[in-house]
């Protein structure tokens, strides 16, 4: 089933009457890395969880593909800031997503080892996944998702608690996943990371998408006052914008 374009229309989420998402409109094509930026409480992580099907919207629609079909049962994966590691080996954690595919155990193991080599964890395959460092666990979570060959990968601040070296390793894997054909939608607060990874930027504030534009346009000519203030507040120097 084709899942792109993903068209999000009038998406609203208001648990107990508290507005978290307020009429989100967004369209995603089938290629690239989109970074979602915005202040705390903007609704970024909630939007990802809604796309993944973990939260039901109060109103609005998500239309998958030109046929406007229902949410696909497969092809969408999500990796969280603090991924869950089961009480299993690194290899067993990596291959969890392959079990529903009906592959033989030996084939799952072979694919798992090959993937662990790609993310630099092959030498830890037999160890407990819970003994890995935070950066290693994040690489393992990405390997677990990557093994299923998702069409859309949702990443919720995957480097937020990592040091620069671990973050660089995770960014390298994200680029490789994109090169392998997976569409990526990622939440981050790191503006430097946005310039390194993103093809385009979605900026959210107050539960709405304020703008969706290229990286160059966002950082040189933000259209909304909210985006200008966000960039000026996050960067350690004041920026002057063209036309401002």
Protein backbone atom coordinates (compact mmCIF):
# COMPACT_ATOMS: atom_id res chain seq x y z
CA UNK A 1 0.00 0.00 0.00
CA UNK A 2 1.33 3.46 -0.93
CA UNK A 3 1.43 5.72 2.11
CA UNK A 4 2.57 8.96 0.47
CA UNK A 5 1.71 11.69 0.23
CA UNK A 6 0.70 11.85 3.86
CA UNK A 7 -1.89 14.61 4.13
CA UNK A 8 -2.77 15.92 7.59
CA UNK A 9 -5.82 18.17 7.70
CA UNK A 10 -7.32 20.08 10.62
CA UNK A 11 -5.71 17.80 13.18
CA UNK A 12 -6.82 18.67 16.69
CA UNK A 13 -6.07 17.12 20.07
CA UNK A 14 -7.74 18.46 23.20
CA UNK A 15 -7.66 16.00 26.13
CA UNK A 16 -10.01 17.17 28.92
CA UNK A 17 -10.58 20.31 26.89
CA UNK A 18 -6.92 21.38 26.95
CA UNK A 19 -5.81 22.34 23.43
CA UNK A 20 -2.54 20.60 22.49
CA UNK A 21 -2.93 20.54 18.71
CA UNK A 22 -5.08 23.22 17.11
CA UNK A 23 -5.89 22.55 13.47
CA UNK A 24 -2.58 21.14 12.21
CA UNK A 25 -2.27 21.04 8.41
CA UNK A 26 0.76 19.36 6.85
CA UNK A 27 1.67 17.35 3.75
CA UNK A 28 4.69 15.05 3.48
CA UNK A 29 6.04 13.57 0.27
CA UNK A 30 7.90 10.30 -0.06
CA UNK A 31 11.54 11.42 0.24
CA UNK A 32 13.86 13.31 2.53
CA UNK A 33 14.37 14.27 6.17
CA UNK A 34 11.95 16.76 7.71
CA UNK A 35 12.92 18.30 11.05
CA UNK A 36 10.17 19.54 13.38
CA UNK A 37 11.22 22.54 15.47
CA UNK A 38 9.42 24.65 18.02
CA UNK A 39 9.32 25.67 21.68
CA UNK A 40 8.39 23.30 24.49
CA UNK A 41 4.67 22.59 24.51
CA UNK A 42 4.25 23.30 20.80
CA UNK A 43 2.78 19.82 20.20
CA UNK A 44 5.71 18.32 18.27
CA UNK A 45 5.94 14.99 20.06
CA UNK A 46 2.16 14.66 20.21
CA UNK A 47 2.00 15.09 16.44
CA UNK A 48 4.48 12.23 15.94
CA UNK A 49 2.56 9.96 18.28
CA UNK A 50 -0.64 10.74 16.43
CA UNK A 51 0.92 9.92 13.07
CA UNK A 52 2.18 6.64 14.54
CA UNK A 53 -1.28 5.79 15.84
CA UNK A 54 -0.44 5.95 19.55
CA UNK A 55 -2.90 8.82 20.11
CA UNK A 56 -6.30 9.30 18.51
CA UNK A 57 -7.08 12.85 17.33
CA UNK A 58 -10.00 14.79 18.75
CA UNK A 59 -10.75 15.99 15.22
CA UNK A 60 -9.16 16.11 11.80
CA UNK A 61 -7.83 13.49 9.39
CA UNK A 62 -4.63 11.74 8.31
CA UNK A 63 -4.90 10.56 4.70
CA UNK A 64 -2.30 8.03 3.53
CA UNK A 65 -1.52 7.89 -0.19
CA UNK A 66 -3.45 9.12 -3.18
CA UNK A 67 -6.24 6.66 -2.45
CA UNK A 68 -6.75 8.30 0.97
CA UNK A 69 -6.66 4.95 2.66
CA UNK A 70 -6.66 4.19 6.39
CA UNK A 71 -3.51 4.20 8.52
CA UNK A 72 -1.19 1.46 7.20
CA UNK A 73 -0.70 -1.57 9.44
CA UNK A 74 2.98 -1.72 8.47
CA UNK A 75 5.59 0.66 7.14
CA UNK A 76 5.57 3.26 9.95
CA UNK A 77 8.03 3.01 12.85
CA UNK A 78 8.87 5.33 15.73
CA UNK A 79 12.00 5.70 17.87
CA UNK A 80 11.75 7.61 21.15
CA UNK A 81 14.21 9.76 23.06
CA UNK A 82 14.55 6.99 25.67
CA UNK A 83 14.01 3.72 23.77
CA UNK A 84 12.79 0.65 25.61
CA UNK A 85 15.23 -2.25 25.81
CA UNK A 86 13.81 -5.65 26.72
CA UNK A 87 15.65 -8.06 29.04
CA UNK A 88 17.27 -9.76 26.08
CA UNK A 89 20.55 -9.65 24.21
CA UNK A 90 21.46 -6.86 21.85
CA UNK A 91 20.85 -9.19 18.89
CA UNK A 92 17.46 -10.34 20.18
CA UNK A 93 16.37 -6.73 20.71
CA UNK A 94 17.50 -5.84 17.20
CA UNK A 95 15.46 -8.58 15.54
CA UNK A 96 12.20 -8.11 17.47
CA UNK A 97 10.48 -6.44 14.53
CA UNK A 98 11.28 -9.35 12.20
CA UNK A 99 9.27 -11.93 14.13
CA UNK A 100 5.87 -10.99 12.64
CA UNK A 101 7.34 -11.43 9.14
CA UNK A 102 7.56 -15.19 9.53
CA UNK A 103 11.29 -15.48 8.91
CA UNK A 104 13.19 -18.47 10.23
CA UNK A 105 15.24 -17.85 13.38
CA UNK A 106 18.52 -18.39 11.54
CA UNK A 107 17.57 -15.81 8.88
CA UNK A 108 16.49 -13.30 11.54
CA UNK A 109 19.84 -13.80 13.25
CA UNK A 110 21.79 -13.30 10.03
CA UNK A 111 19.94 -10.09 9.19
CA UNK A 112 20.33 -8.89 12.75
CA UNK A 113 24.09 -9.38 12.79
CA UNK A 114 24.45 -7.57 9.46
CA UNK A 115 22.46 -4.64 10.84
CA UNK A 116 24.46 -4.53 14.06
CA UNK A 117 27.60 -4.29 11.95
CA UNK A 118 26.12 -1.26 10.18
CA UNK A 119 25.48 0.55 13.47
CA UNK A 120 28.75 -0.51 15.12
CA UNK A 121 27.32 -2.95 17.68
CA UNK A 122 28.21 -6.35 16.22
CA UNK A 123 30.80 -6.95 18.96
CA UNK A 124 28.07 -6.47 21.61
CA UNK A 125 25.52 -8.83 20.02
CA UNK A 126 25.46 -11.36 22.87
CA UNK A 127 25.42 -8.85 25.73
CA UNK A 128 22.37 -7.59 27.58
CA UNK A 129 20.89 -4.62 25.76
CA UNK A 130 20.25 -2.90 29.07
CA UNK A 131 23.99 -2.72 29.76
CA UNK A 132 24.59 -0.50 26.74
CA UNK A 133 25.26 3.21 27.11
CA UNK A 134 22.58 5.72 26.16
CA UNK A 135 24.14 6.34 22.76
CA UNK A 136 24.52 2.62 22.10
CA UNK A 137 20.90 1.99 23.06
CA UNK A 138 19.79 4.69 20.65
CA UNK A 139 21.83 3.10 17.85
CA UNK A 140 20.24 -0.23 18.70
CA UNK A 141 16.76 1.30 18.61
CA UNK A 142 17.51 2.73 15.17
CA UNK A 143 18.83 -0.67 14.01
CA UNK A 144 15.65 -2.36 15.26
CA UNK A 145 13.49 0.04 13.28
CA UNK A 146 15.74 0.02 10.20
CA UNK A 147 15.62 -3.78 9.96
CA UNK A 148 11.89 -3.63 9.21
CA UNK A 149 12.57 -1.35 6.19
CA UNK A 150 9.94 1.25 7.16
CA UNK A 151 8.60 3.68 4.59
CA UNK A 152 8.23 6.35 7.29
CA UNK A 153 10.44 6.63 10.38
CA UNK A 154 9.40 8.98 13.19
CA UNK A 155 12.19 10.12 15.53
CA UNK A 156 11.39 11.98 18.76
CA UNK A 157 14.54 13.84 19.87
CA UNK A 158 16.83 10.80 19.47
CA UNK A 159 19.98 12.72 20.49
CA UNK A 160 18.57 14.98 23.22
CA UNK A 161 20.44 13.28 26.09
CA UNK A 162 23.60 12.28 24.21
CA UNK A 163 27.08 13.76 24.17
CA UNK A 164 28.48 15.18 20.88
CA UNK A 165 30.30 11.98 19.90
CA UNK A 166 27.24 9.77 20.46
CA UNK A 167 25.03 12.32 18.68
CA UNK A 168 27.32 12.30 15.65
CA UNK A 169 27.09 8.50 15.47
CA UNK A 170 23.29 8.65 15.60
CA UNK A 171 23.18 11.36 12.92
CA UNK A 172 25.33 9.20 10.63
CA UNK A 173 22.88 6.31 10.99
CA UNK A 174 19.91 8.60 10.31
CA UNK A 175 21.52 9.73 7.05
CA UNK A 176 22.14 6.11 6.03
CA UNK A 177 18.53 5.16 6.77
CA UNK A 178 17.37 8.03 4.57
CA UNK A 179 19.77 6.95 1.80
CA UNK A 180 18.29 3.45 2.08
CA UNK A 181 14.90 4.85 1.03
CA UNK A 182 13.11 5.65 4.29
CA UNK A 183 11.24 8.94 4.72
CA UNK A 184 12.13 10.55 8.06
CA UNK A 185 10.19 12.97 10.25
CA UNK A 186 12.20 14.01 13.30
CA UNK A 187 11.66 16.29 16.30
CA UNK A 188 14.70 18.17 17.63
CA UNK A 189 15.60 21.27 19.62
CA UNK A 190 19.11 21.37 18.15
CA UNK A 191 19.28 24.03 15.45
CA UNK A 192 22.76 22.94 14.39
CA UNK A 193 21.42 19.44 13.89
CA UNK A 194 18.62 20.84 11.79
CA UNK A 195 21.10 22.49 9.43
CA UNK A 196 23.14 19.27 9.18
CA UNK A 197 20.32 16.79 8.62
CA UNK A 198 17.18 18.44 7.31
CA UNK A 199 15.92 18.89 3.79
CA UNK A 200 13.03 20.97 5.10
CA UNK A 201 11.73 22.40 8.37
CA UNK A 202 8.32 22.26 10.00
CA UNK A 203 8.06 24.94 12.67
CA UNK A 204 5.32 24.54 15.30
CA UNK A 205 4.11 26.93 17.97
CA UNK A 206 0.97 26.90 20.09
CA UNK A 207 -0.22 23.60 18.64
CA UNK A 208 -0.11 24.82 15.03
CA UNK A 209 2.23 24.52 12.07
CA UNK A 210 3.43 28.09 11.53
CA UNK A 211 5.56 27.29 8.50
CA UNK A 212 6.87 24.42 6.40
CA UNK A 213 9.79 25.46 4.24
CA UNK A 214 13.34 24.66 3.14
CA UNK A 215 16.20 24.80 5.62
CA UNK A 216 17.79 27.77 3.85
CA UNK A 217 14.55 29.75 3.77
CA UNK A 218 13.74 28.99 7.40
CA UNK A 219 17.05 30.24 8.76
CA UNK A 220 17.46 33.21 6.40
CA UNK A 221 13.85 34.37 5.89
CA UNK A 222 11.48 32.93 8.52
CA UNK A 223 7.94 34.02 7.66
CA UNK A 224 6.41 34.02 11.12
CA UNK A 225 7.23 36.17 14.13
CA UNK A 226 7.20 33.02 16.26
CA UNK A 227 9.97 31.45 14.15
CA UNK A 228 12.10 34.62 14.24
CA UNK A 229 11.87 34.82 18.02
CA UNK A 230 12.60 31.10 18.36
CA UNK A 231 15.75 31.27 16.23
CA UNK A 232 17.01 34.40 17.96
CA UNK A 233 16.39 32.88 21.38
CA UNK A 234 18.05 29.54 20.64
CA UNK A 235 21.20 30.73 18.89
CA UNK A 236 24.03 32.33 20.93
CA UNK A 237 24.04 35.41 18.68
CA UNK A 238 21.36 37.70 17.33
CA UNK A 239 20.46 37.20 13.71
CA UNK A 240 19.28 39.75 11.21
CA UNK A 241 16.82 38.41 8.69
CA UNK A 242 16.49 39.50 5.11
CA UNK A 243 13.65 41.96 4.80
CA UNK A 244 13.32 42.34 8.59
